[in-house]
Amino acid sequence: MIKRKELYSEDNSCKVFLVESDESLPEHEHNTKEIMFILEGEGTLEIINTGERRNFREGSVLEIKANTKHKLEINSKVKGIVIYAKV
């Protein structure tokens, strides 16, 4: 299950989400830069375009460029803060 709480800037140039998930996220992309602050849990981020895989855990910060296909494999329930910002 994925839970999200959303906050938006007035001009919609930045969105902030508090996310909890015990489900992996399939391949997707955003037209904004994405920054994830992992508060709890662990898993793997895969950048589809390059095949790069990054393990993450509590305390990790992940940065994904706009229009980059990626997916997340969740090993244990993840809580984090996700920021989407137009570049």
Foldseek 3Di string as FASTA:
>chain_A
DKDWDWDADPVRQKIKIWIKDPAKFDKDFAQFKKKKQWQAFWWWKAFVVVRDIDIDGHGDIDIDHHPTIMIIDGPGIITIMMMTGHD
